[in-house]
Amino acid sequence: MFSYIRGKLAEKAEGYAVVDVNGVGFKIYTSQNSLADSRCVTGQEVTFHTYLYIKEGIMDLYGFATKQELELFLLLISVNGVGAKGAVSILSVAPCEKLCLAIATDDTATIKKAAGIGAKTAQRVCLELKDKIKNESFVSENTDAFSESVSYASGDNVSEAINALVALGYTAAEAQRAVKGAKPEDSVEDIIKLALKAMM
């Protein structure tokens, strides 16, 4: 119904913001990351990318500072057991890039930091969204990562590490160069750590 809402930030509090649009105050539920965004300043013009959540008599407006965060929110609420509040809780744990990495590497410990998210739900999030976060919407606009093919066999740790790096915004070519020398028996986390060091 609403793609985005732009207006003056009238108020921000724990878990929500109020945006004044020509005298109408929209209460928008959001994450701590969006509230902490440098552009989210009371009295200044702000833009929230929004989604109207309707379920069993509930009609709440959720919005985020970036389209990327909104896209991740939509993926999270598609997971059985993760409602809108749970999704916002997860989004408040870390920036989108780190959450994408956590999901891609089965880092359930990071997901479990979210209030109300247990071990089983965290595992379900990683299992169901691992492939979906490799969508282009989670990659920087200036990257051609998805126009290049990954030459490693799918399923091995090197391939998983490359896919995780691509989800973070690196091109496939950059990711492949960075993991050069990694061994398939190394853990995905170790390969990613070494790759990130190589690209610094």
N, C-alpha and C. Protein backbone atom coordinates (compact mmCIF):
# COMPACT_ATOMS: atom_id res chain seq x y z
N MET A 1 0.82 -1.21 0.00
CA MET A 1 0.00 0.00 0.00
C MET A 1 0.86 1.26 0.00
N PHE A 2 1.84 1.32 0.91
CA PHE A 2 2.78 2.43 0.94
C PHE A 2 4.16 1.91 0.53
N SER A 3 4.75 2.52 -0.49
CA SER A 3 6.10 2.12 -0.88
C SER A 3 7.13 2.79 0.02
N TYR A 4 6.90 4.07 0.27
CA TYR A 4 7.76 4.80 1.21
C TYR A 4 6.99 5.98 1.77
N ILE A 5 7.47 6.48 2.88
CA ILE A 5 6.87 7.66 3.49
C ILE A 5 7.98 8.67 3.76
N ARG A 6 7.79 9.88 3.27
CA ARG A 6 8.78 10.93 3.46
C ARG A 6 8.12 12.12 4.17
N GLY A 7 8.76 12.58 5.20
CA GLY A 7 8.24 13.72 5.94
C GLY A 7 9.19 14.12 7.05
N LYS A 8 8.73 14.97 7.94
CA LYS A 8 9.58 15.43 9.04
C LYS A 8 9.49 14.44 10.19
N LEU A 9 10.64 14.07 10.73
CA LEU A 9 10.66 13.15 11.87
C LEU A 9 10.20 13.90 13.11
N ALA A 10 9.00 13.56 13.58
CA ALA A 10 8.42 14.25 14.72
C ALA A 10 8.87 13.64 16.04
N GLU A 11 9.12 12.33 16.02
CA GLU A 11 9.48 11.63 17.26
C GLU A 11 10.16 10.31 16.94
N LYS A 12 11.11 9.94 17.77
CA LYS A 12 11.63 8.57 17.67
C LYS A 12 11.82 8.02 19.07
N ALA A 13 11.42 6.77 19.23
CA ALA A 13 11.48 6.13 20.54
C ALA A 13 11.93 4.69 20.35
N GLU A 14 11.93 3.92 21.41
CA GLU A 14 12.35 2.53 21.34
C GLU A 14 11.43 1.73 20.42
N GLY A 15 11.95 1.37 19.25
CA GLY A 15 11.19 0.51 18.35
C GLY A 15 10.30 1.19 17.32
N TYR A 16 10.19 2.50 17.37
CA TYR A 16 9.34 3.16 16.37
C TYR A 16 9.73 4.62 16.17
N ALA A 17 9.21 5.19 15.08
CA ALA A 17 9.40 6.60 14.78
C ALA A 17 8.06 7.16 14.31
N VAL A 18 7.86 8.45 14.52
CA VAL A 18 6.65 9.11 14.04
C VAL A 18 7.07 10.13 12.99
N VAL A 19 6.54 9.97 11.78
CA VAL A 19 6.88 10.87 10.68
C VAL A 19 5.66 11.73 10.35
N ASP A 20 5.86 13.03 10.39
CA ASP A 20 4.79 13.99 10.11
C ASP A 20 4.77 14.29 8.61
N VAL A 21 3.65 13.92 7.95
CA VAL A 21 3.49 14.20 6.53
C VAL A 21 2.29 15.13 6.37
N ASN A 22 2.58 16.40 6.20
CA ASN A 22 1.51 17.40 6.04
C ASN A 22 0.48 17.35 7.16
N GLY A 23 0.96 17.22 8.38
CA GLY A 23 0.07 17.25 9.54
C GLY A 23 -0.47 15.91 9.96
N VAL A 24 -0.14 14.86 9.23
CA VAL A 24 -0.56 13.51 9.60
C VAL A 24 0.65 12.75 10.12
N GLY A 25 0.55 12.23 11.35
CA GLY A 25 1.66 11.52 11.95
C GLY A 25 1.57 10.02 11.72
N PHE A 26 2.52 9.47 11.01
CA PHE A 26 2.57 8.03 10.76
C PHE A 26 3.50 7.38 11.77
N LYS A 27 2.95 6.44 12.55
CA LYS A 27 3.78 5.69 13.49
C LYS A 27 4.36 4.50 12.75
N ILE A 28 5.67 4.48 12.66
CA ILE A 28 6.36 3.45 11.88
C ILE A 28 7.25 2.62 12.79
N TYR A 29 6.96 1.34 12.88
CA TYR A 29 7.80 0.44 13.68
C TYR A 29 9.07 0.15 12.88
N THR A 30 10.20 0.20 13.56
CA THR A 30 11.46 0.06 12.85
C THR A 30 12.54 -0.55 13.74
N SER A 31 13.71 -0.79 13.17
CA SER A 31 14.82 -1.41 13.89
C SER A 31 15.70 -0.35 14.54
N GLN A 32 16.54 -0.81 15.46
CA GLN A 32 17.50 0.10 16.11
C GLN A 32 18.50 0.63 15.10
N ASN A 33 18.82 -0.17 14.09
CA ASN A 33 19.76 0.30 13.06
C ASN A 33 19.19 1.47 12.28
N SER A 34 17.90 1.41 11.94
CA SER A 34 17.28 2.51 11.22
C SER A 34 17.18 3.76 12.10
N LEU A 35 16.85 3.55 13.37
CA LEU A 35 16.76 4.69 14.29
C LEU A 35 18.12 5.34 14.52
N ALA A 36 19.18 4.52 14.41
CA ALA A 36 20.53 5.04 14.63
C ALA A 36 21.14 5.62 13.36
N ASP A 37 20.43 5.52 12.24
CA ASP A 37 20.93 6.06 10.97
C ASP A 37 21.21 7.56 11.12
N SER A 38 22.30 8.00 10.53
CA SER A 38 22.70 9.41 10.67
C SER A 38 21.68 10.38 10.10
N ARG A 39 20.83 9.91 9.20
CA ARG A 39 19.79 10.77 8.61
C ARG A 39 18.53 10.84 9.44
N CYS A 40 18.44 9.97 10.45
CA CYS A 40 17.23 9.89 11.28
C CYS A 40 17.34 10.87 12.44
N VAL A 41 17.11 12.14 12.15
CA VAL A 41 17.27 13.21 13.14
C VAL A 41 15.92 13.90 13.35
N THR A 42 15.51 14.00 14.59
CA THR A 42 14.23 14.65 14.90
C THR A 42 14.20 16.07 14.35
N GLY A 43 13.10 16.41 13.66
CA GLY A 43 12.96 17.73 13.08
C GLY A 43 13.43 17.83 11.64
N GLN A 44 14.13 16.79 11.18
CA GLN A 44 14.64 16.79 9.81
C GLN A 44 13.77 15.90 8.92
N GLU A 45 13.88 16.11 7.61
CA GLU A 45 13.13 15.28 6.67
C GLU A 45 13.77 13.90 6.60
N VAL A 46 12.94 12.88 6.66
CA VAL A 46 13.41 11.50 6.59
C VAL A 46 12.56 10.71 5.60
N THR A 47 13.10 9.60 5.15
CA THR A 47 12.37 8.69 4.28
C THR A 47 12.44 7.29 4.86
N PHE A 48 11.28 6.66 5.02
CA PHE A 48 11.23 5.28 5.47
C PHE A 48 10.62 4.43 4.36
N HIS A 49 11.30 3.35 3.99
CA HIS A 49 10.79 2.40 3.02
C HIS A 49 9.88 1.46 3.80
N THR A 50 8.62 1.39 3.43
CA THR A 50 7.61 0.82 4.31
C THR A 50 6.92 -0.45 3.80
N TYR A 51 6.32 -1.13 4.76
CA TYR A 51 5.51 -2.33 4.50
C TYR A 51 4.36 -2.34 5.50
N LEU A 52 3.13 -2.49 4.99
CA LEU A 52 1.95 -2.54 5.85
C LEU A 52 1.70 -4.00 6.23
N TYR A 53 1.88 -4.29 7.51
CA TYR A 53 1.77 -5.66 8.02
C TYR A 53 0.35 -5.89 8.54
N ILE A 54 -0.36 -6.80 7.89
CA ILE A 54 -1.75 -7.09 8.28
C ILE A 54 -1.85 -8.57 8.60
N LYS A 55 -2.27 -8.88 9.84
CA LYS A 55 -2.41 -10.27 10.23
C LYS A 55 -3.33 -10.37 11.45
N GLU A 56 -4.37 -11.15 11.35
CA GLU A 56 -5.27 -11.45 12.46
C GLU A 56 -5.68 -10.19 13.25
N GLY A 57 -6.22 -9.23 12.55
CA GLY A 57 -6.70 -8.02 13.19
C GLY A 57 -5.62 -6.98 13.48
N ILE A 58 -4.37 -7.30 13.17
CA ILE A 58 -3.27 -6.35 13.38
C ILE A 58 -2.99 -5.63 12.07
N MET A 59 -2.84 -4.32 12.13
CA MET A 59 -2.46 -3.55 10.95
C MET A 59 -1.42 -2.51 11.38
N ASP A 60 -0.16 -2.89 11.25
CA ASP A 60 0.95 -2.03 11.67
C ASP A 60 1.81 -1.66 10.48
N LEU A 61 2.38 -0.48 10.57
CA LEU A 61 3.25 0.01 9.51
C LEU A 61 4.70 -0.15 9.95
N TYR A 62 5.47 -0.86 9.13
CA TYR A 62 6.89 -1.06 9.40
C TYR A 62 7.69 -0.33 8.33
N GLY A 63 8.79 0.26 8.73
CA GLY A 63 9.59 1.00 7.76
C GLY A 63 11.05 1.02 8.15
N PHE A 64 11.91 1.23 7.15
CA PHE A 64 13.34 1.16 7.39
C PHE A 64 14.08 2.23 6.59
N ALA A 65 15.26 2.57 7.06
CA ALA A 65 16.04 3.65 6.45
C ALA A 65 16.54 3.29 5.06
N THR A 66 16.72 1.99 4.78
CA THR A 66 17.21 1.57 3.47
C THR A 66 16.32 0.49 2.87
N LYS A 67 16.34 0.41 1.54
CA LYS A 67 15.57 -0.63 0.86
C LYS A 67 16.13 -2.01 1.19
N GLN A 68 17.43 -2.08 1.39
CA GLN A 68 18.06 -3.35 1.71
C GLN A 68 17.50 -3.92 3.01
N GLU A 69 17.34 -3.05 4.00
CA GLU A 69 16.82 -3.51 5.28
C GLU A 69 15.36 -3.96 5.14
N LEU A 70 14.59 -3.23 4.33
CA LEU A 70 13.20 -3.63 4.09
C LEU A 70 13.14 -4.99 3.40
N GLU A 71 14.01 -5.21 2.41
CA GLU A 71 14.03 -6.49 1.70
C GLU A 71 14.37 -7.64 2.65
N LEU A 72 15.32 -7.41 3.55
CA LEU A 72 15.69 -8.45 4.50
C LEU A 72 14.54 -8.70 5.49
N PHE A 73 13.84 -7.64 5.88
CA PHE A 73 12.66 -7.77 6.74
C PHE A 73 11.62 -8.66 6.07
N LEU A 74 11.36 -8.44 4.79
CA LEU A 74 10.37 -9.23 4.06
C LEU A 74 10.77 -10.70 3.98
N LEU A 75 12.06 -10.94 3.83
CA LEU A 75 12.53 -12.34 3.81
C LEU A 75 12.36 -12.97 5.19
N LEU A 76 12.68 -12.22 6.21
CA LEU A 76 12.59 -12.76 7.57
C LEU A 76 11.16 -13.13 7.96
N ILE A 77 10.20 -12.28 7.60
CA ILE A 77 8.82 -12.59 7.98
C ILE A 77 8.24 -13.73 7.15
N SER A 78 8.95 -14.12 6.09
CA SER A 78 8.50 -15.27 5.30
C SER A 78 8.86 -16.60 5.97
N VAL A 79 9.73 -16.53 6.99
CA VAL A 79 10.15 -17.73 7.70
C VAL A 79 9.11 -18.08 8.77
N ASN A 80 8.68 -19.30 8.79
CA ASN A 80 7.69 -19.75 9.76
C ASN A 80 8.22 -19.55 11.19
N GLY A 81 7.43 -18.86 12.01
CA GLY A 81 7.84 -18.62 13.39
C GLY A 81 8.48 -17.27 13.62
N VAL A 82 8.74 -16.55 12.53
CA VAL A 82 9.33 -15.20 12.66
C VAL A 82 8.29 -14.18 12.22
N GLY A 83 7.67 -13.53 13.18
CA GLY A 83 6.70 -12.50 12.84
C GLY A 83 7.39 -11.17 12.59
N ALA A 84 6.59 -10.12 12.44
CA ALA A 84 7.15 -8.79 12.17
C ALA A 84 8.02 -8.31 13.32
N LYS A 85 7.56 -8.53 14.55
CA LYS A 85 8.35 -8.08 15.70
C LYS A 85 9.65 -8.86 15.82
N GLY A 86 9.58 -10.15 15.52
CA GLY A 86 10.79 -10.97 15.55
C GLY A 86 11.78 -10.53 14.49
N ALA A 87 11.27 -10.19 13.31
CA ALA A 87 12.13 -9.73 12.22
C ALA A 87 12.84 -8.43 12.60
N VAL A 88 12.08 -7.51 13.20
CA VAL A 88 12.69 -6.23 13.63
C VAL A 88 13.73 -6.48 14.71
N SER A 89 13.45 -7.43 15.58
CA SER A 89 14.40 -7.78 16.64
C SER A 89 15.71 -8.29 16.04
N ILE A 90 15.60 -9.14 15.01
CA ILE A 90 16.79 -9.66 14.34
C ILE A 90 17.54 -8.53 13.63
N LEU A 91 16.80 -7.65 12.97
CA LEU A 91 17.43 -6.54 12.25
C LEU A 91 18.12 -5.55 13.18
N SER A 92 17.74 -5.58 14.46
CA SER A 92 18.35 -4.68 15.43
C SER A 92 19.67 -5.21 15.99
N VAL A 93 19.96 -6.48 15.70
CA VAL A 93 21.16 -7.12 16.24
C VAL A 93 22.44 -6.63 15.55
N ALA A 94 22.36 -6.45 14.23
CA ALA A 94 23.54 -6.08 13.46
C ALA A 94 23.12 -5.47 12.13
N PRO A 95 24.04 -4.78 11.45
CA PRO A 95 23.74 -4.23 10.11
C PRO A 95 23.38 -5.35 9.14
N CYS A 96 22.69 -5.01 8.07
CA CYS A 96 22.24 -6.01 7.10
C CYS A 96 23.37 -6.88 6.57
N GLU A 97 24.51 -6.26 6.26
CA GLU A 97 25.62 -7.02 5.69
C GLU A 97 26.08 -8.12 6.65
N LYS A 98 26.17 -7.79 7.93
CA LYS A 98 26.61 -8.79 8.92
C LYS A 98 25.56 -9.87 9.11
N LEU A 99 24.30 -9.49 9.05
CA LEU A 99 23.23 -10.48 9.17
C LEU A 99 23.24 -11.42 7.97
N CYS A 100 23.47 -10.88 6.79
CA CYS A 100 23.54 -11.72 5.60
C CYS A 100 24.69 -12.71 5.71
N LEU A 101 25.81 -12.25 6.22
CA LEU A 101 26.96 -13.12 6.41
C LEU A 101 26.64 -14.21 7.45
N ALA A 102 25.97 -13.80 8.52
CA ALA A 102 25.61 -14.76 9.56
C ALA A 102 24.69 -15.84 9.01
N ILE A 103 23.73 -15.45 8.20
CA ILE A 103 22.80 -16.41 7.60
C ILE A 103 23.52 -17.31 6.62
N ALA A 104 24.39 -16.72 5.80
CA ALA A 104 25.11 -17.50 4.78
C ALA A 104 26.06 -18.51 5.39
N THR A 105 26.56 -18.23 6.58
CA THR A 105 27.54 -19.13 7.22
C THR A 105 26.95 -19.93 8.38
N ASP A 106 25.63 -19.93 8.48
CA ASP A 106 24.94 -20.68 9.55
C ASP A 106 25.37 -20.22 10.94
N ASP A 107 25.61 -18.93 11.08
CA ASP A 107 26.02 -18.37 12.37
C ASP A 107 24.77 -18.09 13.20
N THR A 108 24.21 -19.15 13.76
CA THR A 108 22.96 -19.00 14.52
C THR A 108 23.17 -18.22 15.81
N ALA A 109 24.40 -18.19 16.32
CA ALA A 109 24.68 -17.46 17.56
C ALA A 109 24.35 -15.98 17.40
N THR A 110 24.65 -15.42 16.23
CA THR A 110 24.34 -14.01 15.98
C THR A 110 22.83 -13.79 15.93
N ILE A 111 22.12 -14.68 15.22
CA ILE A 111 20.67 -14.56 15.09
C ILE A 111 19.99 -14.69 16.45
N LYS A 112 20.53 -15.58 17.29
CA LYS A 112 19.92 -15.82 18.61
C LYS A 112 20.06 -14.63 19.57
N LYS A 113 20.90 -13.68 19.22
CA LYS A 113 21.04 -12.49 20.07
C LYS A 113 19.77 -11.65 20.06
N ALA A 114 18.94 -11.85 19.05
CA ALA A 114 17.69 -11.09 18.95
C ALA A 114 16.71 -11.54 20.02
N ALA A 115 16.06 -10.58 20.64
CA ALA A 115 15.07 -10.89 21.68
C ALA A 115 13.93 -11.73 21.11
N GLY A 116 13.61 -12.82 21.80
CA GLY A 116 12.50 -13.66 21.39
C GLY A 116 12.82 -14.68 20.31
N ILE A 117 14.09 -14.74 19.90
CA ILE A 117 14.49 -15.71 18.88
C ILE A 117 15.33 -16.82 19.51
N GLY A 118 14.79 -18.04 19.47
CA GLY A 118 15.50 -19.18 20.06
C GLY A 118 16.36 -19.91 19.05
N ALA A 119 16.98 -20.97 19.51
CA ALA A 119 17.92 -21.74 18.68
C ALA A 119 17.24 -22.34 17.45
N LYS A 120 16.05 -22.93 17.64
CA LYS A 120 15.36 -23.56 16.52
C LYS A 120 14.95 -22.56 15.45
N THR A 121 14.47 -21.41 15.90
CA THR A 121 14.07 -20.37 14.95
C THR A 121 15.28 -19.83 14.21
N ALA A 122 16.38 -19.64 14.92
CA ALA A 122 17.61 -19.15 14.30
C ALA A 122 18.10 -20.14 13.24
N GLN A 123 18.02 -21.42 13.54
CA GLN A 123 18.42 -22.44 12.58
C GLN A 123 17.51 -22.42 11.35
N ARG A 124 16.21 -22.22 11.59
CA ARG A 124 15.26 -22.17 10.48
C ARG A 124 15.53 -20.96 9.58
N VAL A 125 15.86 -19.83 10.20
CA VAL A 125 16.18 -18.62 9.43
C VAL A 125 17.37 -18.89 8.50
N CYS A 126 18.43 -19.47 9.03
CA CYS A 126 19.62 -19.76 8.23
C CYS A 126 19.31 -20.76 7.12
N LEU A 127 18.56 -21.81 7.47
CA LEU A 127 18.24 -22.87 6.51
C LEU A 127 17.40 -22.34 5.35
N GLU A 128 16.37 -21.56 5.67
CA GLU A 128 15.44 -21.11 4.64
C GLU A 128 15.93 -19.91 3.83
N LEU A 129 16.79 -19.10 4.42
CA LEU A 129 17.18 -17.86 3.74
C LEU A 129 18.59 -17.87 3.16
N LYS A 130 19.34 -18.92 3.43
CA LYS A 130 20.74 -18.97 2.96
C LYS A 130 20.85 -18.68 1.46
N ASP A 131 20.01 -19.33 0.67
CA ASP A 131 20.07 -19.14 -0.78
C ASP A 131 19.41 -17.84 -1.21
N LYS A 132 18.37 -17.45 -0.52
CA LYS A 132 17.62 -16.26 -0.92
C LYS A 132 18.41 -14.97 -0.74
N ILE A 133 19.30 -14.91 0.25
CA ILE A 133 20.04 -13.66 0.47
C ILE A 133 21.09 -13.42 -0.60
N LYS A 134 21.28 -14.42 -1.47
CA LYS A 134 22.24 -14.23 -2.57
C LYS A 134 21.60 -13.48 -3.72
N ASN A 135 20.37 -13.05 -3.51
CA ASN A 135 19.66 -12.25 -4.50
C ASN A 135 20.38 -10.93 -4.72
N GLU A 136 20.25 -10.35 -5.91
CA GLU A 136 20.95 -9.11 -6.26
C GLU A 136 20.62 -7.94 -5.33
N SER A 137 19.47 -7.96 -4.70
CA SER A 137 19.07 -6.82 -3.85
C SER A 137 19.98 -6.66 -2.65
N PHE A 138 20.79 -7.68 -2.34
CA PHE A 138 21.68 -7.59 -1.19
C PHE A 138 23.12 -7.33 -1.61
N VAL A 139 23.28 -6.95 -2.87
CA VAL A 139 24.62 -6.66 -3.38
C VAL A 139 24.66 -5.19 -3.79
N SER A 140 25.80 -4.56 -3.60
CA SER A 140 25.95 -3.15 -3.96
C SER A 140 25.55 -2.92 -5.40
N GLU A 141 24.98 -1.75 -5.66
CA GLU A 141 24.48 -1.44 -7.00
C GLU A 141 25.58 -1.44 -8.06
N ASN A 142 26.83 -1.13 -7.66
CA ASN A 142 27.90 -1.00 -8.64
C ASN A 142 28.65 -2.31 -8.87
N THR A 143 28.12 -3.40 -8.40
CA THR A 143 28.81 -4.68 -8.57
C THR A 143 28.17 -5.51 -9.66
N ASP A 144 29.00 -6.30 -10.33
CA ASP A 144 28.49 -7.19 -11.36
C ASP A 144 28.61 -8.62 -10.90
N ALA A 145 28.51 -8.82 -9.59
CA ALA A 145 28.76 -10.13 -8.99
C ALA A 145 27.92 -11.23 -9.62
N PHE A 146 26.66 -10.93 -9.93
CA PHE A 146 25.78 -11.98 -10.39
C PHE A 146 25.85 -12.19 -11.90
N SER A 147 26.73 -11.43 -12.57
CA SER A 147 26.92 -11.68 -13.99
C SER A 147 28.10 -12.61 -14.21
N GLU A 148 28.79 -12.94 -13.11
CA GLU A 148 29.95 -13.82 -13.19
C GLU A 148 29.62 -15.15 -12.52
N SER A 149 30.13 -16.22 -13.07
CA SER A 149 29.84 -17.53 -12.49
C SER A 149 30.93 -17.94 -11.53
N VAL A 150 30.53 -18.64 -10.48
CA VAL A 150 31.49 -19.17 -9.52
C VAL A 150 31.93 -20.54 -10.00
N SER A 151 33.24 -20.77 -10.10
CA SER A 151 33.75 -21.98 -10.70
C SER A 151 33.90 -23.13 -9.71
N TYR A 152 33.68 -22.88 -8.45
CA TYR A 152 33.84 -23.94 -7.46
C TYR A 152 32.60 -24.81 -7.39
N ALA A 153 32.81 -26.05 -7.00
CA ALA A 153 31.69 -26.98 -6.87
C ALA A 153 30.76 -26.50 -5.76
N SER A 154 29.46 -26.51 -6.07
CA SER A 154 28.51 -26.05 -5.05
C SER A 154 28.52 -27.02 -3.89
N GLY A 155 28.39 -26.48 -2.71
CA GLY A 155 28.32 -27.32 -1.53
C GLY A 155 29.60 -27.38 -0.74
N ASP A 156 30.76 -27.09 -1.37
CA ASP A 156 31.99 -27.15 -0.59
C ASP A 156 32.18 -25.84 0.18
N ASN A 157 33.09 -25.85 1.13
CA ASN A 157 33.28 -24.70 2.01
C ASN A 157 33.80 -23.47 1.28
N VAL A 158 34.66 -23.69 0.28
CA VAL A 158 35.19 -22.57 -0.50
C VAL A 158 34.06 -21.87 -1.24
N SER A 159 33.19 -22.67 -1.85
CA SER A 159 32.05 -22.12 -2.58
C SER A 159 31.12 -21.36 -1.63
N GLU A 160 30.88 -21.93 -0.44
CA GLU A 160 30.02 -21.27 0.55
C GLU A 160 30.62 -19.92 0.95
N ALA A 161 31.94 -19.90 1.11
CA ALA A 161 32.62 -18.66 1.51
C ALA A 161 32.51 -17.61 0.40
N ILE A 162 32.66 -18.04 -0.84
CA ILE A 162 32.53 -17.12 -1.98
C ILE A 162 31.13 -16.54 -2.02
N ASN A 163 30.13 -17.40 -1.87
CA ASN A 163 28.75 -16.93 -1.90
C ASN A 163 28.47 -15.94 -0.77
N ALA A 164 29.06 -16.19 0.39
CA ALA A 164 28.87 -15.28 1.52
C ALA A 164 29.52 -13.93 1.23
N LEU A 165 30.68 -13.94 0.60
CA LEU A 165 31.36 -12.68 0.26
C LEU A 165 30.58 -11.91 -0.80
N VAL A 166 30.00 -12.65 -1.75
CA VAL A 166 29.16 -12.02 -2.77
C VAL A 166 27.94 -11.36 -2.13
N ALA A 167 27.37 -12.05 -1.12
CA ALA A 167 26.21 -11.49 -0.40
C ALA A 167 26.58 -10.21 0.33
N LEU A 168 27.86 -10.07 0.66
CA LEU A 168 28.32 -8.86 1.35
C LEU A 168 28.59 -7.71 0.39
N GLY A 169 28.55 -7.98 -0.92
CA GLY A 169 28.73 -6.91 -1.88
C GLY A 169 29.98 -6.99 -2.73
N TYR A 170 30.82 -8.00 -2.50
CA TYR A 170 32.01 -8.18 -3.34
C TYR A 170 31.60 -8.88 -4.63
N THR A 171 32.35 -8.62 -5.72
CA THR A 171 32.06 -9.32 -6.96
C THR A 171 32.55 -10.75 -6.84
N ALA A 172 32.03 -11.62 -7.70
CA ALA A 172 32.46 -13.01 -7.68
C ALA A 172 33.95 -13.13 -7.95
N ALA A 173 34.44 -12.26 -8.86
CA ALA A 173 35.87 -12.29 -9.19
C ALA A 173 36.72 -11.90 -7.97
N GLU A 174 36.29 -10.86 -7.27
CA GLU A 174 37.01 -10.42 -6.06
C GLU A 174 37.01 -11.53 -5.01
N ALA A 175 35.85 -12.16 -4.85
CA ALA A 175 35.73 -13.22 -3.85
C ALA A 175 36.62 -14.41 -4.19
N GLN A 176 36.64 -14.77 -5.46
CA GLN A 176 37.47 -15.91 -5.88
C GLN A 176 38.96 -15.62 -5.68
N ARG A 177 39.37 -14.38 -5.99
CA ARG A 177 40.78 -14.01 -5.78
C ARG A 177 41.12 -14.06 -4.30
N ALA A 178 40.19 -13.60 -3.48
CA ALA A 178 40.46 -13.49 -2.04
C ALA A 178 40.58 -14.86 -1.37
N VAL A 179 39.88 -15.85 -1.89
CA VAL A 179 39.92 -17.18 -1.26
C VAL A 179 40.98 -18.08 -1.89
N LYS A 180 41.74 -17.53 -2.82
CA LYS A 180 42.77 -18.32 -3.48
C LYS A 180 43.74 -18.87 -2.43
N GLY A 181 43.99 -20.13 -2.48
CA GLY A 181 44.89 -20.74 -1.51
C GLY A 181 44.17 -21.40 -0.36
N ALA A 182 42.86 -21.13 -0.24
CA ALA A 182 42.08 -21.77 0.83
C ALA A 182 41.88 -23.25 0.52
N LYS A 183 41.79 -24.05 1.55
CA LYS A 183 41.59 -25.48 1.38
C LYS A 183 40.12 -25.85 1.61
N PRO A 184 39.59 -26.74 0.83
CA PRO A 184 38.17 -27.14 0.99
C PRO A 184 37.84 -27.64 2.39
N GLU A 185 38.84 -28.21 3.06
CA GLU A 185 38.57 -28.73 4.41
C GLU A 185 38.55 -27.64 5.48
N ASP A 186 39.03 -26.41 5.13
CA ASP A 186 38.95 -25.29 6.07
C ASP A 186 37.48 -24.95 6.31
N SER A 187 37.18 -24.44 7.50
CA SER A 187 35.79 -24.06 7.78
C SER A 187 35.42 -22.81 6.98
N VAL A 188 34.13 -22.65 6.71
CA VAL A 188 33.65 -21.48 5.96
C VAL A 188 34.06 -20.19 6.67
N GLU A 189 33.91 -20.18 8.01
CA GLU A 189 34.24 -18.99 8.79
C GLU A 189 35.72 -18.62 8.65
N ASP A 190 36.60 -19.64 8.69
CA ASP A 190 38.04 -19.38 8.57
C ASP A 190 38.39 -18.85 7.19
N ILE A 191 37.76 -19.42 6.17
CA ILE A 191 38.03 -18.97 4.80
C ILE A 191 37.61 -17.52 4.63
N ILE A 192 36.43 -17.18 5.17
CA ILE A 192 35.93 -15.80 5.05
C ILE A 192 36.85 -14.83 5.79
N LYS A 193 37.28 -15.21 6.98
CA LYS A 193 38.18 -14.34 7.75
C LYS A 193 39.46 -14.06 6.98
N LEU A 194 40.03 -15.10 6.40
CA LEU A 194 41.27 -14.94 5.64
C LEU A 194 41.02 -14.08 4.39
N ALA A 195 39.88 -14.30 3.75
CA ALA A 195 39.54 -13.53 2.55
C ALA A 195 39.37 -12.05 2.86
N LEU A 196 38.69 -11.75 3.96
CA LEU A 196 38.47 -10.36 4.34
C LEU A 196 39.79 -9.68 4.66
N LYS A 197 40.69 -10.40 5.30
CA LYS A 197 42.02 -9.85 5.59
C LYS A 197 42.77 -9.57 4.30
N ALA A 198 42.64 -10.47 3.34
CA ALA A 198 43.33 -10.32 2.06
C ALA A 198 42.82 -9.11 1.29
N MET A 199 41.56 -8.74 1.50
CA MET A 199 40.97 -7.63 0.75
C MET A 199 41.10 -6.29 1.46
N MET A 200 41.66 -6.31 2.67
CA MET A 200 41.81 -5.06 3.42
C MET A 200 43.01 -4.28 2.92
